[in-house]
């Protein structure tokens, strides 16, 4: 079923810094357009939705980080509705890049340079190098509509955010979250890229609409990266910790050996070791972004492929 179209093809929109001509609809809320300089851009709209204003404000706040975050270029002034912003166009996202290439090489995967709350391959955009369609020239984080400060009321209250498979354990459990939650989501994203073929080891066998979908994700976190450590009791409410213990009691302890069913054919030992440094079930044990960038895994120069 085709997405509802708010703008028509060929329609011209007026922004604060230029005019833009709609050329293609990507989804109900996202369009491809060209500027008056014939530069491709993305027009994103959401009539009256708070997320678009949040994304605009976050992008303005991080305007000096355009090397790693897709930048805000303009805001549409006419027509006045729906509220729309202009963003930089990038050729692809990591999910589709992985599908096209089947499996990214280890070097491709390592092209990485507030709490985003929804880090996943769909929200990591890429450009390809000129004449080198399998090499990324740019990698930028997108969709900052849910960005929140780790001291915000949303974070302190443990408000559910993000996409279930990529969601950190503490977020699933309704506990306060912060920047370590983004580190977990980053780890799930990298793990999926290493494995390739759009496969996620945390993905439940039940459909996403199933009532036990989210619970099964937490069970898979426990099985693949667990068991949940006793230290979690220090930061979880008593009721939540009792739920965690009940969940663990239903999974044979011998099943919780990390990567128990995953051989080196799927993920090499160096990558497993790196993932285990990232995927810590207690958020206080996860490395910071600065510590990750100093990790030896990023310094490897060998072009080992699977």
Protein backbone atom coordinates (compact mmCIF):
# COMPACT_ATOMS: atom_id res chain seq x y z
CA UNK A 1 0.00 0.00 0.00
CA UNK A 2 1.42 3.36 -1.04
CA UNK A 3 2.16 5.86 1.71
CA UNK A 4 -0.12 8.86 2.03
CA UNK A 5 1.43 11.84 0.28
CA UNK A 6 1.29 15.31 1.83
CA UNK A 7 3.46 16.91 -0.84
CA UNK A 8 3.02 16.39 -4.56
CA UNK A 9 5.80 15.53 -6.98
CA UNK A 10 7.30 18.70 -8.42
CA UNK A 11 5.94 20.85 -5.61
CA UNK A 12 8.23 23.67 -4.54
CA UNK A 13 8.74 24.45 -0.86
CA UNK A 14 10.24 27.64 0.55
CA UNK A 15 12.69 27.53 3.42
CA UNK A 16 14.60 30.13 5.37
CA UNK A 17 17.71 29.58 3.24
CA UNK A 18 16.38 28.44 -0.13
CA UNK A 19 13.72 26.66 -2.17
CA UNK A 20 13.29 22.94 -2.67
CA UNK A 21 11.51 20.85 -5.32
CA UNK A 22 9.96 17.53 -4.28
CA UNK A 23 11.07 14.66 -6.55
CA UNK A 24 10.36 11.41 -4.66
CA UNK A 25 8.51 10.08 -1.63
CA UNK A 26 10.48 7.69 0.59
CA UNK A 27 7.78 7.22 3.23
CA UNK A 28 4.78 8.98 4.70
CA UNK A 29 7.05 11.46 6.45
CA UNK A 30 10.20 11.59 4.30
CA UNK A 31 10.78 12.99 0.79
CA UNK A 32 13.67 13.48 -1.59
CA UNK A 33 13.99 16.97 -3.01
CA UNK A 34 16.51 19.11 -4.85
CA UNK A 35 17.66 22.54 -3.78
CA UNK A 36 17.87 25.53 -6.07
CA UNK A 37 21.54 24.54 -6.50
CA UNK A 38 20.39 21.07 -7.71
CA UNK A 39 21.77 19.44 -4.56
CA UNK A 40 19.75 16.46 -3.28
CA UNK A 41 18.27 16.94 0.18
CA UNK A 42 15.77 15.18 2.42
CA UNK A 43 12.53 16.84 3.50
CA UNK A 44 11.13 15.41 6.71
CA UNK A 45 7.75 16.39 8.10
CA UNK A 46 5.39 15.45 10.90
CA UNK A 47 2.41 17.73 11.37
CA UNK A 48 2.23 18.76 15.00
CA UNK A 49 4.43 15.89 16.20
CA UNK A 50 6.83 16.71 19.02
CA UNK A 51 9.57 14.43 17.64
CA UNK A 52 10.27 16.66 14.65
CA UNK A 53 10.74 19.72 16.85
CA UNK A 54 12.94 17.67 19.15
CA UNK A 55 15.07 16.50 16.24
CA UNK A 56 15.42 20.06 14.90
CA UNK A 57 16.48 21.36 18.31
CA UNK A 58 18.94 18.50 18.84
CA UNK A 59 20.50 19.02 15.42
CA UNK A 60 20.93 22.71 16.11
CA UNK A 61 22.59 21.84 19.42
CA UNK A 62 25.02 19.47 17.70
CA UNK A 63 25.57 21.59 14.58
CA UNK A 64 29.35 21.38 14.98
CA UNK A 65 29.25 17.56 14.82
CA UNK A 66 28.13 17.27 11.19
CA UNK A 67 30.99 14.87 10.46
CA UNK A 68 29.20 12.17 12.45
CA UNK A 69 25.59 13.43 12.68
CA UNK A 70 23.41 14.16 9.66
CA UNK A 71 23.10 17.95 9.75
CA UNK A 72 20.03 20.19 9.81
CA UNK A 73 20.12 22.42 6.71
CA UNK A 74 16.92 24.45 6.73
CA UNK A 75 13.33 24.73 7.96
CA UNK A 76 10.43 24.98 5.54
CA UNK A 77 8.41 28.20 5.85
CA UNK A 78 5.90 27.66 3.06
CA UNK A 79 3.52 25.97 3.06
CA UNK A 80 3.37 26.41 6.84
CA UNK A 81 1.79 23.00 7.39
CA UNK A 82 3.00 20.39 7.93
CA UNK A 83 6.05 21.39 9.96
CA UNK A 84 9.04 20.32 7.86
CA UNK A 85 12.82 20.39 8.07
CA UNK A 86 15.54 19.97 5.46
CA UNK A 87 18.33 17.46 6.10
CA UNK A 88 21.45 16.32 4.27
CA UNK A 89 20.88 13.47 1.83
CA UNK A 90 22.98 10.31 2.18
CA UNK A 91 22.83 7.40 -0.22
CA UNK A 92 21.93 4.51 2.08
CA UNK A 93 21.58 3.19 5.60
CA UNK A 94 23.55 0.35 7.19
CA UNK A 95 20.61 -2.05 7.11
CA UNK A 96 20.20 -1.79 3.35
CA UNK A 97 23.97 -1.59 2.79
CA UNK A 98 24.32 -4.89 4.60
CA UNK A 99 21.51 -6.46 2.58
CA UNK A 100 23.12 -5.39 -0.70
CA UNK A 101 26.58 -6.62 0.24
CA UNK A 102 25.38 -9.71 2.11
CA UNK A 103 27.99 -9.27 4.77
CA UNK A 104 30.24 -6.32 5.49
CA UNK A 105 33.95 -6.90 5.92
CA UNK A 106 35.41 -6.36 9.38
CA UNK A 107 37.05 -3.14 8.16
CA UNK A 108 33.74 -1.79 6.82
CA UNK A 109 32.12 -2.54 10.16
CA UNK A 110 34.78 -0.55 12.03
CA UNK A 111 34.19 2.68 10.08
CA UNK A 112 32.95 4.50 13.21
CA UNK A 113 34.35 7.56 14.31
CA UNK A 114 22.87 13.32 25.04
CA UNK A 115 21.36 9.76 24.66
CA UNK A 116 20.17 9.03 21.14
CA UNK A 117 17.67 6.41 22.39
CA UNK A 118 17.25 4.57 19.07
CA UNK A 119 20.61 3.55 17.62
CA UNK A 120 20.10 0.87 14.96
CA UNK A 121 21.21 0.25 11.34
CA UNK A 122 18.22 2.17 9.93
CA UNK A 123 19.41 5.26 11.78
CA UNK A 124 23.03 5.08 10.62
CA UNK A 125 23.33 6.60 7.14
CA UNK A 126 26.19 6.17 4.70
CA UNK A 127 27.63 7.50 1.47
CA UNK A 128 29.77 5.34 -0.79
CA UNK A 129 33.18 6.36 -2.07
CA UNK A 130 33.43 7.51 -5.68
CA UNK A 131 34.06 4.44 -7.84
CA UNK A 132 34.13 2.22 -4.75
CA UNK A 133 30.53 1.14 -4.07
CA UNK A 134 31.60 -1.24 -1.30
CA UNK A 135 33.54 1.36 0.71
CA UNK A 136 31.88 4.00 2.88
CA UNK A 137 33.03 7.61 2.50
CA UNK A 138 30.66 8.96 5.18
CA UNK A 139 28.88 7.40 8.14
CA UNK A 140 26.44 9.61 10.04
CA UNK A 141 23.89 9.13 12.80
CA UNK A 142 20.32 10.15 11.94
CA UNK A 143 16.84 10.47 13.50
CA UNK A 144 17.46 12.51 16.64
CA UNK A 145 13.75 12.84 17.37
CA UNK A 146 14.00 10.98 20.67
CA UNK A 147 17.24 12.51 21.93
CA UNK A 148 17.06 13.21 25.66
CA UNK A 149 19.53 14.24 28.33
CA UNK A 150 20.44 11.46 30.74
CA UNK A 151 19.27 13.66 33.61
CA UNK A 152 15.89 14.34 31.98
CA UNK A 153 12.64 13.25 33.59
CA UNK A 154 12.24 10.66 30.80
CA UNK A 155 15.57 9.02 31.60
CA UNK A 156 15.12 9.12 35.36
CA UNK A 157 11.62 7.63 35.07
CA UNK A 158 12.84 4.80 32.83
CA UNK A 159 10.53 5.77 29.96
CA UNK A 160 10.52 3.06 27.27
CA UNK A 161 12.42 4.19 24.20
CA UNK A 162 13.94 2.76 21.06
CA UNK A 163 13.41 -0.44 19.08
CA UNK A 164 12.98 -3.64 21.06
CA UNK A 165 15.83 -5.74 19.61
CA UNK A 166 18.29 -2.85 20.05
CA UNK A 167 16.95 -1.72 23.44
CA UNK A 168 19.28 -2.05 26.45
CA UNK A 169 18.30 -4.37 29.32
CA UNK A 170 17.74 -1.52 31.79
CA UNK A 171 15.37 0.18 29.33
CA UNK A 172 13.41 -3.04 28.85
CA UNK A 173 13.17 -3.36 32.63
CA UNK A 174 11.79 0.16 33.03
CA UNK A 175 14.77 1.33 35.08
CA UNK A 176 16.56 4.71 34.72
CA UNK A 177 18.78 4.85 31.64
CA UNK A 178 21.56 7.00 30.23
CA UNK A 179 24.43 7.02 27.77
CA UNK A 180 25.35 3.36 28.56
CA UNK A 181 22.04 2.43 26.94
CA UNK A 182 23.30 3.88 23.65
CA UNK A 183 26.47 1.82 24.04
CA UNK A 184 24.35 -1.34 24.26
CA UNK A 185 22.37 -0.35 21.14
CA UNK A 186 25.64 0.37 19.34
CA UNK A 187 26.84 -3.10 20.31
CA UNK A 188 23.70 -4.78 18.95
CA UNK A 189 24.12 -2.80 15.73
CA UNK A 190 27.75 -3.86 15.32
CA UNK A 191 26.89 -7.46 16.14
CA UNK A 192 24.27 -7.48 13.39
CA UNK A 193 26.72 -6.00 10.89
CA UNK A 194 29.36 -8.58 11.77
CA UNK A 195 26.89 -11.43 11.31
CA UNK A 196 25.36 -9.90 8.18
CA UNK A 197 22.26 -10.73 6.17
CA UNK A 198 20.09 -8.56 8.46
CA UNK A 199 20.15 -11.25 11.16
CA UNK A 200 20.02 -10.45 14.87
CA UNK A 201 20.84 -13.07 17.49
CA UNK A 202 18.54 -11.26 19.92
CA UNK A 203 15.55 -11.41 17.57
CA UNK A 204 12.72 -13.50 19.09
CA UNK A 205 11.16 -16.35 17.16
CA UNK A 206 7.69 -14.96 17.95
CA UNK A 207 6.33 -12.15 15.72
CA UNK A 208 6.88 -8.55 16.79
CA UNK A 209 3.19 -8.08 17.63
CA UNK A 210 3.24 -11.05 20.03
CA UNK A 211 2.61 -10.18 23.70
CA UNK A 212 5.83 -11.94 24.73
CA UNK A 213 8.07 -10.32 22.11
CA UNK A 214 9.84 -7.87 24.45
CA UNK A 215 10.16 -10.46 27.21
CA UNK A 216 11.77 -12.85 24.76
CA UNK A 217 14.32 -10.19 23.80
CA UNK A 218 15.30 -9.91 27.48
CA UNK A 219 15.51 -13.71 27.73
CA UNK A 220 17.83 -13.74 24.71
CA UNK A 221 19.98 -11.03 26.32
CA UNK A 222 20.26 -13.26 29.38
CA UNK A 223 21.10 -16.38 27.35
CA UNK A 224 23.66 -14.80 25.02
CA UNK A 225 25.34 -12.28 27.32
CA UNK A 226 24.25 -13.44 30.76
CA UNK A 227 23.55 -14.42 33.33
CA UNK A 228 22.24 -11.16 34.72
CA UNK A 229 24.72 -10.19 37.47
CA UNK A 230 23.68 -9.82 41.11
CA UNK A 231 24.96 -6.24 40.94
CA UNK A 232 21.81 -5.29 39.02
CA UNK A 233 19.89 -5.57 42.30
CA UNK A 234 21.70 -2.38 43.37
CA UNK A 235 20.08 -0.29 40.63
CA UNK A 236 16.78 -2.11 40.03
CA UNK A 237 13.65 -1.78 42.08
CA UNK A 238 12.93 -4.76 44.32
CA UNK A 239 10.01 -5.84 42.15
CA UNK A 240 12.05 -5.63 38.95
CA UNK A 241 14.88 -7.67 40.44
CA UNK A 242 12.42 -10.36 41.52
CA UNK A 243 11.12 -10.49 37.94
CA UNK A 244 14.68 -10.84 36.64
CA UNK A 245 15.41 -13.70 39.04
CA UNK A 246 12.20 -15.44 37.97
CA UNK A 247 13.18 -15.06 34.32
CA UNK A 248 16.65 -16.49 35.01
CA UNK A 249 15.22 -19.43 36.95
CA UNK A 250 13.39 -20.57 33.83
CA UNK A 251 16.56 -20.77 31.73
CA UNK A 252 19.04 -23.62 32.39
CA UNK A 253 22.25 -22.08 33.70
CA UNK A 254 24.38 -23.95 31.16
CA UNK A 255 22.55 -22.11 28.38
CA UNK A 256 23.95 -18.77 29.51
CA UNK A 257 27.52 -19.24 28.35
CA UNK A 258 28.22 -16.25 26.04
CA UNK A 259 27.98 -17.12 22.34
CA UNK A 260 27.26 -20.74 23.29
CA UNK A 261 25.73 -21.59 19.91
CA UNK A 262 27.82 -19.24 17.80
CA UNK A 263 30.95 -20.60 16.16
CA UNK A 264 33.95 -18.75 14.74
CA UNK A 265 32.44 -19.29 11.31
CA UNK A 266 29.70 -16.81 12.21
CA UNK A 267 31.72 -14.48 14.44
CA UNK A 268 35.48 -14.70 14.84
CA UNK A 269 37.04 -14.85 18.30
CA UNK A 270 38.43 -11.30 18.12
CA UNK A 271 34.95 -9.94 17.40
CA UNK A 272 33.42 -12.06 20.18
CA UNK A 273 35.94 -10.69 22.66
CA UNK A 274 35.14 -7.13 21.62
CA UNK A 275 31.39 -7.71 21.85
CA UNK A 276 31.75 -9.12 25.36
CA UNK A 277 33.55 -5.94 26.41
CA UNK A 278 30.58 -3.93 25.12
CA UNK A 279 27.54 -6.08 25.90
CA UNK A 280 27.56 -5.92 29.68
CA UNK A 281 24.16 -6.45 31.28
CA UNK A 282 24.93 -4.03 34.12
CA UNK A 283 25.10 -0.61 32.41
CA UNK A 284 27.74 0.57 34.89
CA UNK A 285 30.14 -2.03 33.49
CA UNK A 286 29.92 -0.88 29.86
CA UNK A 287 32.74 1.18 28.36
CA UNK A 288 32.13 4.83 27.55
CA UNK A 289 32.25 6.07 23.96
CA UNK A 290 35.75 7.49 24.55
CA UNK A 291 36.93 4.17 25.98
CA UNK A 292 35.48 2.32 23.01
CA UNK A 293 37.38 4.48 20.56
CA UNK A 294 40.60 3.51 22.35
CA UNK A 295 39.76 -0.20 22.17
CA UNK A 296 42.30 -2.38 20.38
CA UNK A 297 39.51 -3.75 18.17
CA UNK A 298 39.36 -0.46 16.26
CA UNK A 299 43.14 -0.41 15.87
CA UNK A 300 43.31 -3.74 14.06
CA UNK A 301 44.51 -3.30 10.48
CA UNK A 302 44.16 -6.83 9.20
CA UNK A 303 41.51 -7.26 6.53
CA UNK A 304 40.20 -10.51 7.88
CA UNK A 305 36.98 -11.58 6.20
CA UNK A 306 34.64 -14.37 7.16
